Amino acid sequence: MKHLILISIILFMQANVYAKDVKELGEYRVANAIHSIIQSTRKIYTSEISDKLLQDGTGSLLEYRHQKGFVPLPVQVIQQIGKDLSKSTGGNISIELKSKYFVNEKNRLIGREAEAWTYLEKQQNSAKNLKNMTWKPYVYINNAVDRDYLIYIVPDLATEYACIACHKSQENTASVKYAREQHGITGEPILKLWHMLGILKVMVAID
């Protein structure tokens, strides 16, 4: 028993040192900055473009390319930014939006993303003031074949009623229900302000 306790203490100390080291990495600061930029971009795009156009009689739409006067959904803008960022940095930096309660099957959780969801969901469930809470990101090092990546995962929150309305319109569609059932997803998301709609995953290559 003493040996088990000693091993546990050593592992705990190593984990703390590792966590501290990760936060001191330049790549961690880069990921944190990207997260802040994406948050601001989404907020401003939603309020100043999408919502403004909605008041004018158009707005944002999934099939915007085929509709005059409409623009992409906020999530589509972020996804496009992610693709361009990955291309312009040669794959050194990339972002993805994923969700346990996905609308598009391509955005379902894979591997440790599910663990990250649970980690963030626990913070949400124990919070007394979601709007003003400080979320703790789920961070780890992914050892890829060519190089290592810092993975930084934070919640993608419903900050506008428009976000909630858009997701509600998709919840009961047959295709979404069927796809979730195929991947064993049960239950429904909490579609309220300041609750998780998904996760933002930032990947930064480590030099």
N, C-alpha and C. Protein backbone atom coordinates (compact mmCIF):
# COMPACT_ATOMS: atom_id res chain seq x y z
N MET A 1 0.83 -1.21 0.00
CA MET A 1 0.00 0.00 0.00
C MET A 1 0.87 1.27 0.00
N LYS A 2 1.96 1.25 0.83
CA LYS A 2 2.84 2.41 0.88
C LYS A 2 3.45 2.69 -0.48
N HIS A 3 3.81 1.59 -1.19
CA HIS A 3 4.40 1.75 -2.52
C HIS A 3 3.39 2.39 -3.47
N LEU A 4 2.14 1.98 -3.38
CA LEU A 4 1.09 2.53 -4.25
C LEU A 4 0.87 4.01 -3.97
N ILE A 5 0.89 4.37 -2.67
CA ILE A 5 0.72 5.78 -2.31
C ILE A 5 1.89 6.61 -2.82
N LEU A 6 3.10 6.08 -2.67
CA LEU A 6 4.29 6.79 -3.15
C LEU A 6 4.24 6.99 -4.65
N ILE A 7 3.84 5.94 -5.37
CA ILE A 7 3.73 6.04 -6.83
C ILE A 7 2.69 7.09 -7.21
N SER A 8 1.56 7.10 -6.48
CA SER A 8 0.50 8.06 -6.76
C SER A 8 0.98 9.49 -6.56
N ILE A 9 1.76 9.70 -5.46
CA ILE A 9 2.29 11.03 -5.18
C ILE A 9 3.25 11.48 -6.28
N ILE A 10 4.11 10.56 -6.70
CA ILE A 10 5.08 10.88 -7.75
C ILE A 10 4.36 11.24 -9.05
N LEU A 11 3.35 10.45 -9.41
CA LEU A 11 2.58 10.71 -10.64
C LEU A 11 1.85 12.04 -10.55
N PHE A 12 1.31 12.34 -9.35
CA PHE A 12 0.60 13.61 -9.16
C PHE A 12 1.56 14.78 -9.32
N MET A 13 2.77 14.65 -8.73
CA MET A 13 3.76 15.72 -8.84
C MET A 13 4.20 15.90 -10.28
N GLN A 14 4.38 14.77 -10.99
CA GLN A 14 4.78 14.85 -12.40
C GLN A 14 3.71 15.52 -13.23
N ALA A 15 2.45 15.21 -12.92
CA ALA A 15 1.32 15.80 -13.66
C ALA A 15 1.28 17.30 -13.46
N ASN A 16 1.54 17.74 -12.20
CA ASN A 16 1.53 19.17 -11.91
C ASN A 16 2.66 19.88 -12.64
N VAL A 17 3.85 19.28 -12.64
CA VAL A 17 4.99 19.86 -13.34
C VAL A 17 4.69 19.95 -14.82
N TYR A 18 4.09 18.86 -15.36
CA TYR A 18 3.77 18.81 -16.78
C TYR A 18 2.77 19.91 -17.15
N ALA A 19 1.71 20.05 -16.31
CA ALA A 19 0.70 21.07 -16.58
C ALA A 19 1.31 22.46 -16.55
N LYS A 20 2.20 22.68 -15.57
CA LYS A 20 2.86 23.97 -15.46
C LYS A 20 3.71 24.24 -16.68
N ASP A 21 4.44 23.24 -17.14
CA ASP A 21 5.30 23.39 -18.30
C ASP A 21 4.48 23.71 -19.55
N VAL A 22 3.36 23.05 -19.70
CA VAL A 22 2.50 23.28 -20.87
C VAL A 22 2.06 24.74 -20.93
N LYS A 23 1.65 25.28 -19.79
CA LYS A 23 1.16 26.65 -19.76
C LYS A 23 2.27 27.67 -20.01
N GLU A 24 3.51 27.24 -19.80
CA GLU A 24 4.64 28.14 -20.03
C GLU A 24 5.14 28.10 -21.46
N LEU A 25 4.62 27.17 -22.25
CA LEU A 25 5.02 27.07 -23.65
C LEU A 25 4.51 28.27 -24.44
N GLY A 26 5.33 28.72 -25.39
CA GLY A 26 4.91 29.80 -26.27
C GLY A 26 3.69 29.39 -27.08
N GLU A 27 3.61 28.11 -27.42
CA GLU A 27 2.48 27.61 -28.20
C GLU A 27 1.17 27.71 -27.43
N TYR A 28 1.25 27.59 -26.10
CA TYR A 28 0.05 27.75 -25.26
C TYR A 28 -0.46 29.18 -25.36
N ARG A 29 0.46 30.13 -25.31
CA ARG A 29 0.06 31.54 -25.40
C ARG A 29 -0.51 31.85 -26.78
N VAL A 30 0.04 31.22 -27.81
CA VAL A 30 -0.48 31.39 -29.17
C VAL A 30 -1.92 30.87 -29.25
N ALA A 31 -2.14 29.67 -28.71
CA ALA A 31 -3.47 29.06 -28.73
C ALA A 31 -4.47 29.92 -27.96
N ASN A 32 -4.04 30.44 -26.83
CA ASN A 32 -4.91 31.29 -26.01
C ASN A 32 -5.27 32.57 -26.75
N ALA A 33 -4.31 33.14 -27.46
CA ALA A 33 -4.55 34.36 -28.23
C ALA A 33 -5.51 34.09 -29.39
N ILE A 34 -5.32 32.95 -30.05
CA ILE A 34 -6.21 32.59 -31.16
C ILE A 34 -7.63 32.42 -30.66
N HIS A 35 -7.77 31.79 -29.50
CA HIS A 35 -9.10 31.63 -28.90
C HIS A 35 -9.76 32.98 -28.69
N SER A 36 -9.03 33.95 -28.15
CA SER A 36 -9.58 35.28 -27.90
C SER A 36 -9.99 35.97 -29.20
N ILE A 37 -9.17 35.81 -30.23
CA ILE A 37 -9.47 36.41 -31.53
C ILE A 37 -10.73 35.80 -32.14
N ILE A 38 -10.84 34.47 -32.06
CA ILE A 38 -12.02 33.79 -32.61
C ILE A 38 -13.28 34.22 -31.87
N GLN A 39 -13.20 34.33 -30.55
CA GLN A 39 -14.33 34.79 -29.75
C GLN A 39 -14.80 36.18 -30.20
N SER A 40 -13.84 37.08 -30.33
CA SER A 40 -14.17 38.45 -30.73
C SER A 40 -14.73 38.50 -32.14
N THR A 41 -14.12 37.73 -33.03
CA THR A 41 -14.57 37.70 -34.42
C THR A 41 -16.01 37.22 -34.51
N ARG A 42 -16.30 36.15 -33.80
CA ARG A 42 -17.66 35.59 -33.85
C ARG A 42 -18.68 36.56 -33.26
N LYS A 43 -18.32 37.18 -32.14
CA LYS A 43 -19.23 38.12 -31.48
C LYS A 43 -19.54 39.30 -32.38
N ILE A 44 -18.50 39.90 -32.97
CA ILE A 44 -18.69 41.07 -33.82
C ILE A 44 -19.42 40.71 -35.11
N TYR A 45 -19.06 39.57 -35.71
CA TYR A 45 -19.72 39.14 -36.94
C TYR A 45 -21.21 38.92 -36.70
N THR A 46 -21.55 38.26 -35.58
CA THR A 46 -22.95 37.96 -35.27
C THR A 46 -23.76 39.24 -35.04
N SER A 47 -23.21 40.15 -34.23
CA SER A 47 -23.97 41.35 -33.86
C SER A 47 -23.98 42.42 -34.95
N GLU A 48 -22.84 42.60 -35.62
CA GLU A 48 -22.72 43.71 -36.58
C GLU A 48 -23.06 43.34 -38.02
N ILE A 49 -23.04 42.06 -38.35
CA ILE A 49 -23.33 41.66 -39.73
C ILE A 49 -24.57 40.78 -39.80
N SER A 50 -24.51 39.62 -39.14
CA SER A 50 -25.61 38.67 -39.22
C SER A 50 -26.91 39.25 -38.66
N ASP A 51 -26.85 39.78 -37.44
CA ASP A 51 -28.06 40.33 -36.81
C ASP A 51 -28.55 41.59 -37.53
N LYS A 52 -27.62 42.39 -38.03
CA LYS A 52 -27.99 43.61 -38.74
C LYS A 52 -28.74 43.26 -40.02
N LEU A 53 -28.24 42.27 -40.76
CA LEU A 53 -28.91 41.85 -41.98
C LEU A 53 -30.26 41.21 -41.69
N LEU A 54 -30.35 40.51 -40.55
CA LEU A 54 -31.63 39.91 -40.16
C LEU A 54 -32.69 40.99 -39.97
N GLN A 55 -32.30 42.10 -39.37
CA GLN A 55 -33.22 43.22 -39.18
C GLN A 55 -33.61 43.84 -40.51
N ASP A 56 -32.70 43.74 -41.49
CA ASP A 56 -32.96 44.30 -42.83
C ASP A 56 -33.78 43.36 -43.71
N GLY A 57 -34.01 42.13 -43.21
CA GLY A 57 -34.84 41.20 -43.97
C GLY A 57 -34.11 40.02 -44.58
N THR A 58 -32.80 39.94 -44.36
CA THR A 58 -32.06 38.76 -44.85
C THR A 58 -31.39 38.08 -43.66
N GLY A 59 -30.06 38.10 -43.59
CA GLY A 59 -29.37 37.50 -42.45
C GLY A 59 -28.33 36.50 -42.88
N SER A 60 -28.04 35.52 -42.00
CA SER A 60 -27.08 34.46 -42.32
C SER A 60 -27.83 33.17 -42.60
N LEU A 61 -27.27 32.38 -43.49
CA LEU A 61 -27.97 31.18 -43.96
C LEU A 61 -26.97 30.12 -44.36
N LEU A 62 -27.31 28.85 -44.11
CA LEU A 62 -26.41 27.75 -44.46
C LEU A 62 -26.10 27.74 -45.95
N GLU A 63 -27.12 27.88 -46.79
CA GLU A 63 -26.95 27.88 -48.24
C GLU A 63 -26.89 29.32 -48.76
N TYR A 64 -26.06 30.13 -48.14
CA TYR A 64 -26.00 31.56 -48.47
C TYR A 64 -25.53 31.84 -49.89
N ARG A 65 -24.72 30.96 -50.44
CA ARG A 65 -24.17 31.20 -51.78
C ARG A 65 -25.25 31.31 -52.85
N HIS A 66 -26.36 30.68 -52.61
CA HIS A 66 -27.44 30.64 -53.60
C HIS A 66 -28.56 31.63 -53.30
N GLN A 67 -28.35 32.48 -52.27
CA GLN A 67 -29.39 33.42 -51.88
C GLN A 67 -28.83 34.85 -51.84
N LYS A 68 -29.39 35.71 -52.68
CA LYS A 68 -28.93 37.10 -52.74
C LYS A 68 -29.22 37.82 -51.42
N GLY A 69 -28.23 38.54 -50.92
CA GLY A 69 -28.39 39.33 -49.71
C GLY A 69 -28.10 38.59 -48.42
N PHE A 70 -27.79 37.28 -48.52
CA PHE A 70 -27.50 36.49 -47.33
C PHE A 70 -26.00 36.25 -47.19
N VAL A 71 -25.57 36.03 -45.96
CA VAL A 71 -24.15 35.79 -45.65
C VAL A 71 -24.03 34.45 -44.92
N PRO A 72 -22.80 33.92 -44.76
CA PRO A 72 -22.61 32.63 -44.06
C PRO A 72 -23.05 32.70 -42.60
N LEU A 73 -23.37 31.54 -42.04
CA LEU A 73 -23.60 31.44 -40.61
C LEU A 73 -22.29 31.73 -39.88
N PRO A 74 -22.35 32.24 -38.65
CA PRO A 74 -21.12 32.50 -37.89
C PRO A 74 -20.20 31.28 -37.82
N VAL A 75 -20.78 30.08 -37.63
CA VAL A 75 -19.96 28.87 -37.55
C VAL A 75 -19.24 28.62 -38.87
N GLN A 76 -19.88 28.94 -39.99
CA GLN A 76 -19.24 28.75 -41.29
C GLN A 76 -18.07 29.71 -41.48
N VAL A 77 -18.22 30.92 -40.96
CA VAL A 77 -17.13 31.90 -41.04
C VAL A 77 -15.91 31.40 -40.27
N ILE A 78 -16.14 30.90 -39.05
CA ILE A 78 -15.04 30.39 -38.23
C ILE A 78 -14.37 29.19 -38.90
N GLN A 79 -15.18 28.32 -39.50
CA GLN A 79 -14.62 27.16 -40.21
C GLN A 79 -13.78 27.59 -41.39
N GLN A 80 -14.22 28.62 -42.10
CA GLN A 80 -13.44 29.14 -43.23
C GLN A 80 -12.14 29.77 -42.77
N ILE A 81 -12.19 30.48 -41.65
CA ILE A 81 -10.98 31.06 -41.07
C ILE A 81 -10.00 29.93 -40.71
N GLY A 82 -10.54 28.84 -40.14
CA GLY A 82 -9.70 27.71 -39.77
C GLY A 82 -8.99 27.09 -40.97
N LYS A 83 -9.70 26.93 -42.07
CA LYS A 83 -9.10 26.37 -43.28
C LYS A 83 -8.01 27.28 -43.83
N ASP A 84 -8.29 28.58 -43.85
CA ASP A 84 -7.31 29.53 -44.37
C ASP A 84 -6.09 29.62 -43.47
N LEU A 85 -6.32 29.57 -42.15
CA LEU A 85 -5.22 29.63 -41.19
C LEU A 85 -4.30 28.43 -41.34
N SER A 86 -4.88 27.26 -41.50
CA SER A 86 -4.09 26.04 -41.67
C SER A 86 -3.27 26.11 -42.97
N LYS A 87 -3.89 26.61 -44.02
CA LYS A 87 -3.20 26.71 -45.31
C LYS A 87 -2.07 27.73 -45.27
N SER A 88 -2.34 28.90 -44.67
CA SER A 88 -1.35 29.97 -44.65
C SER A 88 -0.16 29.67 -43.73
N THR A 89 -0.37 28.78 -42.73
CA THR A 89 0.73 28.44 -41.80
C THR A 89 1.35 27.08 -42.13
N GLY A 90 0.95 26.51 -43.25
CA GLY A 90 1.50 25.21 -43.63
C GLY A 90 1.11 24.10 -42.67
N GLY A 91 -0.05 24.24 -42.05
CA GLY A 91 -0.52 23.22 -41.11
C GLY A 91 0.02 23.36 -39.71
N ASN A 92 0.80 24.42 -39.45
CA ASN A 92 1.36 24.61 -38.11
C ASN A 92 0.31 25.08 -37.10
N ILE A 93 -0.71 25.77 -37.59
CA ILE A 93 -1.80 26.22 -36.73
C ILE A 93 -3.12 25.91 -37.42
N SER A 94 -4.04 25.33 -36.68
CA SER A 94 -5.36 25.06 -37.24
C SER A 94 -6.40 25.08 -36.13
N ILE A 95 -7.64 25.28 -36.52
CA ILE A 95 -8.75 25.29 -35.56
C ILE A 95 -9.90 24.46 -36.11
N GLU A 96 -10.68 23.90 -35.19
CA GLU A 96 -11.85 23.13 -35.57
C GLU A 96 -12.97 23.41 -34.57
N LEU A 97 -14.20 23.37 -35.05
CA LEU A 97 -15.37 23.44 -34.19
C LEU A 97 -16.02 22.07 -34.18
N LYS A 98 -16.21 21.50 -32.99
CA LYS A 98 -16.78 20.16 -32.86
C LYS A 98 -17.90 20.20 -31.82
N SER A 99 -18.71 19.15 -31.79
CA SER A 99 -19.76 19.08 -30.77
C SER A 99 -20.22 17.65 -30.54
N LYS A 100 -20.52 17.36 -29.29
CA LYS A 100 -21.13 16.07 -28.96
C LYS A 100 -22.48 15.97 -29.65
N TYR A 101 -23.22 17.09 -29.65
CA TYR A 101 -24.54 17.14 -30.29
C TYR A 101 -24.40 17.82 -31.65
N PHE A 102 -23.66 17.17 -32.52
CA PHE A 102 -23.35 17.74 -33.82
C PHE A 102 -24.59 17.87 -34.71
N VAL A 103 -24.53 18.86 -35.57
CA VAL A 103 -25.53 19.02 -36.63
C VAL A 103 -24.98 18.43 -37.91
N ASN A 104 -23.70 18.72 -38.18
CA ASN A 104 -22.99 18.14 -39.31
C ASN A 104 -22.14 16.98 -38.79
N GLU A 105 -22.32 15.80 -39.36
CA GLU A 105 -21.62 14.61 -38.87
C GLU A 105 -20.11 14.76 -38.90
N LYS A 106 -19.58 15.60 -39.80
CA LYS A 106 -18.14 15.81 -39.89
C LYS A 106 -17.59 16.48 -38.63
N ASN A 107 -18.48 17.10 -37.87
CA ASN A 107 -18.04 17.84 -36.68
C ASN A 107 -18.25 17.07 -35.37
N ARG A 108 -18.46 15.76 -35.46
CA ARG A 108 -18.65 14.98 -34.25
C ARG A 108 -17.33 14.83 -33.49
N LEU A 109 -17.43 14.51 -32.20
CA LEU A 109 -16.24 14.35 -31.37
C LEU A 109 -15.52 13.05 -31.68
N ILE A 110 -14.19 13.13 -31.72
CA ILE A 110 -13.37 11.95 -32.00
C ILE A 110 -12.23 11.88 -30.97
N GLY A 111 -11.96 10.68 -30.49
CA GLY A 111 -10.84 10.48 -29.57
C GLY A 111 -10.96 11.29 -28.30
N ARG A 112 -9.90 12.03 -27.97
CA ARG A 112 -9.86 12.77 -26.71
C ARG A 112 -10.77 13.99 -26.69
N GLU A 113 -11.37 14.30 -27.82
CA GLU A 113 -12.33 15.41 -27.85
C GLU A 113 -13.52 15.10 -26.95
N ALA A 114 -13.90 13.83 -26.88
CA ALA A 114 -15.02 13.44 -26.00
C ALA A 114 -14.64 13.64 -24.54
N GLU A 115 -13.39 13.35 -24.21
CA GLU A 115 -12.90 13.56 -22.84
C GLU A 115 -12.88 15.05 -22.51
N ALA A 116 -12.50 15.86 -23.51
CA ALA A 116 -12.49 17.31 -23.33
C ALA A 116 -13.90 17.83 -23.09
N TRP A 117 -14.86 17.28 -23.83
CA TRP A 117 -16.26 17.69 -23.66
C TRP A 117 -16.72 17.44 -22.22
N THR A 118 -16.43 16.25 -21.71
CA THR A 118 -16.82 15.90 -20.35
C THR A 118 -16.16 16.82 -19.34
N TYR A 119 -14.88 17.13 -19.55
CA TYR A 119 -14.12 18.02 -18.67
C TYR A 119 -14.76 19.41 -18.60
N LEU A 120 -15.14 19.94 -19.77
CA LEU A 120 -15.75 21.26 -19.83
C LEU A 120 -17.19 21.25 -19.33
N GLU A 121 -17.90 20.16 -19.60
CA GLU A 121 -19.28 20.04 -19.16
C GLU A 121 -19.37 20.03 -17.63
N LYS A 122 -18.39 19.42 -16.97
CA LYS A 122 -18.37 19.41 -15.50
C LYS A 122 -18.23 20.83 -14.96
N GLN A 123 -17.42 21.65 -15.62
CA GLN A 123 -17.29 23.05 -15.21
C GLN A 123 -18.62 23.78 -15.38
N GLN A 124 -19.28 23.50 -16.48
CA GLN A 124 -20.57 24.13 -16.74
C GLN A 124 -21.61 23.75 -15.69
N ASN A 125 -21.64 22.48 -15.36
CA ASN A 125 -22.65 21.98 -14.41
C ASN A 125 -22.42 22.48 -12.98
N SER A 126 -21.19 22.83 -12.66
CA SER A 126 -20.89 23.27 -11.29
C SER A 126 -20.82 24.80 -11.16
N ALA A 127 -21.00 25.50 -12.27
CA ALA A 127 -20.88 26.96 -12.26
C ALA A 127 -22.15 27.62 -11.73
N LYS A 128 -21.97 28.72 -11.01
CA LYS A 128 -23.11 29.48 -10.49
C LYS A 128 -23.42 30.69 -11.38
N ASN A 129 -22.42 31.14 -12.14
CA ASN A 129 -22.60 32.29 -13.02
C ASN A 129 -21.85 32.03 -14.33
N LEU A 130 -22.52 31.37 -15.27
CA LEU A 130 -21.87 30.97 -16.51
C LEU A 130 -21.38 32.16 -17.34
N LYS A 131 -22.15 33.24 -17.32
CA LYS A 131 -21.80 34.39 -18.15
C LYS A 131 -20.44 34.96 -17.79
N ASN A 132 -20.12 34.98 -16.50
CA ASN A 132 -18.88 35.62 -16.05
C ASN A 132 -17.81 34.64 -15.57
N MET A 133 -18.04 33.37 -15.76
CA MET A 133 -17.07 32.39 -15.27
C MET A 133 -15.83 32.34 -16.15
N THR A 134 -14.73 31.93 -15.54
CA THR A 134 -13.47 31.73 -16.27
C THR A 134 -13.30 30.25 -16.51
N TRP A 135 -13.39 29.84 -17.76
CA TRP A 135 -13.28 28.42 -18.12
C TRP A 135 -11.82 27.97 -18.10
N LYS A 136 -11.59 26.75 -17.68
CA LYS A 136 -10.26 26.16 -17.74
C LYS A 136 -10.17 25.30 -19.00
N PRO A 137 -9.25 25.62 -19.89
CA PRO A 137 -9.15 24.86 -21.13
C PRO A 137 -8.65 23.44 -20.89
N TYR A 138 -8.98 22.56 -21.79
CA TYR A 138 -8.48 21.18 -21.77
C TYR A 138 -7.27 21.17 -22.69
N VAL A 139 -6.09 20.92 -22.13
CA VAL A 139 -4.85 21.05 -22.89
C VAL A 139 -4.01 19.78 -22.79
N TYR A 140 -3.45 19.38 -23.90
CA TYR A 140 -2.53 18.24 -23.89
C TYR A 140 -1.60 18.31 -25.11
N ILE A 141 -0.56 17.49 -25.08
CA ILE A 141 0.38 17.40 -26.19
C ILE A 141 0.06 16.16 -27.01
N ASN A 142 -0.17 16.35 -28.29
CA ASN A 142 -0.43 15.23 -29.19
C ASN A 142 0.85 14.88 -29.94
N ASN A 143 1.32 13.68 -29.75
CA ASN A 143 2.55 13.23 -30.41
C ASN A 143 2.22 12.63 -31.76
N ALA A 144 2.33 13.44 -32.80
CA ALA A 144 2.06 12.99 -34.16
C ALA A 144 3.31 12.38 -34.77
N VAL A 145 3.16 11.78 -35.93
CA VAL A 145 4.28 11.10 -36.60
C VAL A 145 5.35 12.10 -37.00
N ASP A 146 4.94 13.24 -37.57
CA ASP A 146 5.92 14.20 -38.07
C ASP A 146 6.40 15.19 -37.00
N ARG A 147 5.48 15.61 -36.11
CA ARG A 147 5.86 16.55 -35.06
C ARG A 147 4.80 16.56 -33.97
N ASP A 148 5.11 17.22 -32.85
CA ASP A 148 4.17 17.31 -31.74
C ASP A 148 3.30 18.56 -31.86
N TYR A 149 2.08 18.44 -31.36
CA TYR A 149 1.15 19.57 -31.39
C TYR A 149 0.59 19.83 -29.99
N LEU A 150 0.46 21.10 -29.65
CA LEU A 150 -0.26 21.46 -28.45
C LEU A 150 -1.74 21.56 -28.83
N ILE A 151 -2.57 20.84 -28.10
CA ILE A 151 -4.01 20.85 -28.35
C ILE A 151 -4.68 21.63 -27.22
N TYR A 152 -5.44 22.62 -27.60
CA TYR A 152 -6.06 23.56 -26.65
C TYR A 152 -7.56 23.58 -26.96
N ILE A 153 -8.38 23.08 -26.03
CA ILE A 153 -9.82 22.95 -26.29
C ILE A 153 -10.61 23.76 -25.26
N VAL A 154 -11.49 24.61 -25.78
CA VAL A 154 -12.34 25.46 -24.94
C VAL A 154 -13.78 25.37 -25.43
N PRO A 155 -14.75 25.79 -24.60
CA PRO A 155 -16.14 25.70 -25.02
C PRO A 155 -16.49 26.73 -26.09
N ASP A 156 -17.37 26.34 -26.99
CA ASP A 156 -17.95 27.25 -27.97
C ASP A 156 -19.34 27.57 -27.43
N LEU A 157 -19.52 28.79 -26.95
CA LEU A 157 -20.71 29.14 -26.18
C LEU A 157 -21.81 29.81 -27.00
N ALA A 158 -23.03 29.66 -26.52
CA ALA A 158 -24.17 30.38 -27.10
C ALA A 158 -24.19 31.77 -26.47
N THR A 159 -23.66 32.74 -27.18
CA THR A 159 -23.56 34.10 -26.65
C THR A 159 -24.67 35.01 -27.18
N GLU A 160 -25.43 34.50 -28.16
CA GLU A 160 -26.52 35.28 -28.75
C GLU A 160 -27.76 34.38 -28.88
N TYR A 161 -28.94 35.00 -28.80
CA TYR A 161 -30.17 34.23 -28.98
C TYR A 161 -30.26 33.66 -30.40
N ALA A 162 -29.62 34.35 -31.34
CA ALA A 162 -29.62 33.87 -32.73
C ALA A 162 -28.93 32.51 -32.83
N CYS A 163 -27.89 32.30 -32.03
CA CYS A 163 -27.18 31.02 -32.02
C CYS A 163 -28.12 29.91 -31.56
N ILE A 164 -28.87 30.20 -30.50
CA ILE A 164 -29.80 29.22 -29.93
C ILE A 164 -30.91 28.89 -30.91
N ALA A 165 -31.48 29.93 -31.54
CA ALA A 165 -32.57 29.73 -32.49
C ALA A 165 -32.13 28.88 -33.67
N CYS A 166 -30.90 29.11 -34.13
CA CYS A 166 -30.37 28.36 -35.27
C CYS A 166 -30.23 26.89 -34.92
N HIS A 167 -29.69 26.61 -33.72
CA HIS A 167 -29.50 25.22 -33.30
C HIS A 167 -30.84 24.53 -33.03
N LYS A 168 -31.78 25.26 -32.47
CA LYS A 168 -33.10 24.68 -32.20
C LYS A 168 -33.78 24.24 -33.49
N SER A 169 -33.55 24.99 -34.55
CA SER A 169 -34.18 24.66 -35.83
C SER A 169 -33.65 23.36 -36.42
N GLN A 170 -32.47 22.92 -35.95
CA GLN A 170 -31.84 21.72 -36.48
C GLN A 170 -32.09 20.48 -35.62
N GLU A 171 -32.49 20.68 -34.36
CA GLU A 171 -32.56 19.58 -33.40
C GLU A 171 -33.50 18.44 -33.80
N ASN A 172 -34.63 18.77 -34.39
CA ASN A 172 -35.63 17.74 -34.68
C ASN A 172 -35.64 17.27 -36.13
N THR A 173 -34.63 17.66 -36.91
CA THR A 173 -34.57 17.19 -38.28
C THR A 173 -34.20 15.71 -38.31
N ALA A 174 -34.81 14.97 -39.22
CA ALA A 174 -34.62 13.52 -39.28
C ALA A 174 -33.17 13.14 -39.53
N SER A 175 -32.47 13.89 -40.38
CA SER A 175 -31.08 13.55 -40.73
C SER A 175 -30.15 13.69 -39.53
N VAL A 176 -30.37 14.75 -38.74
CA VAL A 176 -29.54 14.97 -37.55
C VAL A 176 -29.80 13.89 -36.51
N LYS A 177 -31.06 13.58 -36.28
CA LYS A 177 -31.42 12.53 -35.32
C LYS A 177 -30.83 11.19 -35.72
N TYR A 178 -30.93 10.87 -36.99
CA TYR A 178 -30.43 9.58 -37.48
C TYR A 178 -28.91 9.49 -37.32
N ALA A 179 -28.20 10.56 -37.71
CA ALA A 179 -26.73 10.55 -37.62
C ALA A 179 -26.26 10.39 -36.18
N ARG A 180 -26.92 11.07 -35.26
CA ARG A 180 -26.54 10.95 -33.85
C ARG A 180 -26.79 9.54 -33.33
N GLU A 181 -27.91 8.96 -33.71
CA GLU A 181 -28.23 7.59 -33.29
C GLU A 181 -27.18 6.61 -33.79
N GLN A 182 -26.69 6.82 -35.00
CA GLN A 182 -25.68 5.94 -35.58
C GLN A 182 -24.37 5.96 -34.79
N HIS A 183 -24.12 7.06 -34.10
CA HIS A 183 -22.88 7.19 -33.32
C HIS A 183 -23.15 7.08 -31.82
N GLY A 184 -24.34 6.60 -31.46
CA GLY A 184 -24.66 6.35 -30.05
C GLY A 184 -24.84 7.60 -29.20
N ILE A 185 -25.20 8.71 -29.83
CA ILE A 185 -25.39 9.95 -29.09
C ILE A 185 -26.83 10.04 -28.61
N THR A 186 -27.00 10.10 -27.30
CA THR A 186 -28.34 10.23 -26.70
C THR A 186 -28.46 11.57 -25.99
N GLY A 187 -29.68 11.94 -25.65
CA GLY A 187 -29.89 13.21 -24.95
C GLY A 187 -29.92 14.37 -25.92
N GLU A 188 -30.01 15.57 -25.36
CA GLU A 188 -30.07 16.79 -26.15
C GLU A 188 -29.20 17.87 -25.52
N PRO A 189 -28.73 18.82 -26.33
CA PRO A 189 -27.90 19.90 -25.77
C PRO A 189 -28.74 20.86 -24.94
N ILE A 190 -28.08 21.60 -24.07
CA ILE A 190 -28.76 22.64 -23.29
C ILE A 190 -28.70 23.92 -24.12
N LEU A 191 -29.80 24.26 -24.75
CA LEU A 191 -29.82 25.41 -25.64
C LEU A 191 -30.27 26.66 -24.88
N LYS A 192 -29.31 27.19 -24.09
CA LYS A 192 -29.53 28.40 -23.32
C LYS A 192 -28.31 29.30 -23.46
N LEU A 193 -28.50 30.58 -23.19
CA LEU A 193 -27.39 31.51 -23.25
C LEU A 193 -26.26 31.08 -22.33
N TRP A 194 -25.03 31.21 -22.83
CA TRP A 194 -23.79 30.96 -22.11
C TRP A 194 -23.54 29.48 -21.83
N HIS A 195 -24.30 28.61 -22.46
CA HIS A 195 -24.06 27.18 -22.36
C HIS A 195 -23.30 26.69 -23.61
N MET A 196 -22.68 25.52 -23.49
CA MET A 196 -21.88 24.97 -24.57
C MET A 196 -22.74 24.52 -25.75
N LEU A 197 -22.40 25.04 -26.92
CA LEU A 197 -22.97 24.52 -28.16
C LEU A 197 -22.01 23.50 -28.76
N GLY A 198 -20.75 23.69 -28.45
CA GLY A 198 -19.71 22.81 -28.98
C GLY A 198 -18.38 23.14 -28.34
N ILE A 199 -17.31 22.76 -29.00
CA ILE A 199 -15.97 23.08 -28.52
C ILE A 199 -15.15 23.70 -29.66
N LEU A 200 -14.22 24.55 -29.28
CA LEU A 200 -13.25 25.10 -30.20
C LEU A 200 -11.92 24.39 -29.92
N LYS A 201 -11.38 23.76 -30.93
CA LYS A 201 -10.11 23.03 -30.79
C LYS A 201 -9.02 23.76 -31.56
N VAL A 202 -8.01 24.23 -30.84
CA VAL A 202 -6.88 24.92 -31.47
C VAL A 202 -5.67 24.01 -31.42
N MET A 203 -5.02 23.84 -32.57
CA MET A 203 -3.83 22.98 -32.66
C MET A 203 -2.64 23.80 -33.12
N VAL A 204 -1.58 23.79 -32.32
CA VAL A 204 -0.38 24.58 -32.63
C VAL A 204 0.83 23.64 -32.62
N ALA A 205 1.55 23.61 -33.73
CA ALA A 205 2.74 22.77 -33.82
C ALA A 205 3.82 23.26 -32.85
N ILE A 206 4.49 22.34 -32.19
CA ILE A 206 5.53 22.68 -31.22
C ILE A 206 6.90 22.64 -31.88
N ASP A 207 7.63 23.73 -31.77
CA ASP A 207 8.97 23.80 -32.36
C ASP A 207 9.96 22.99 -31.54
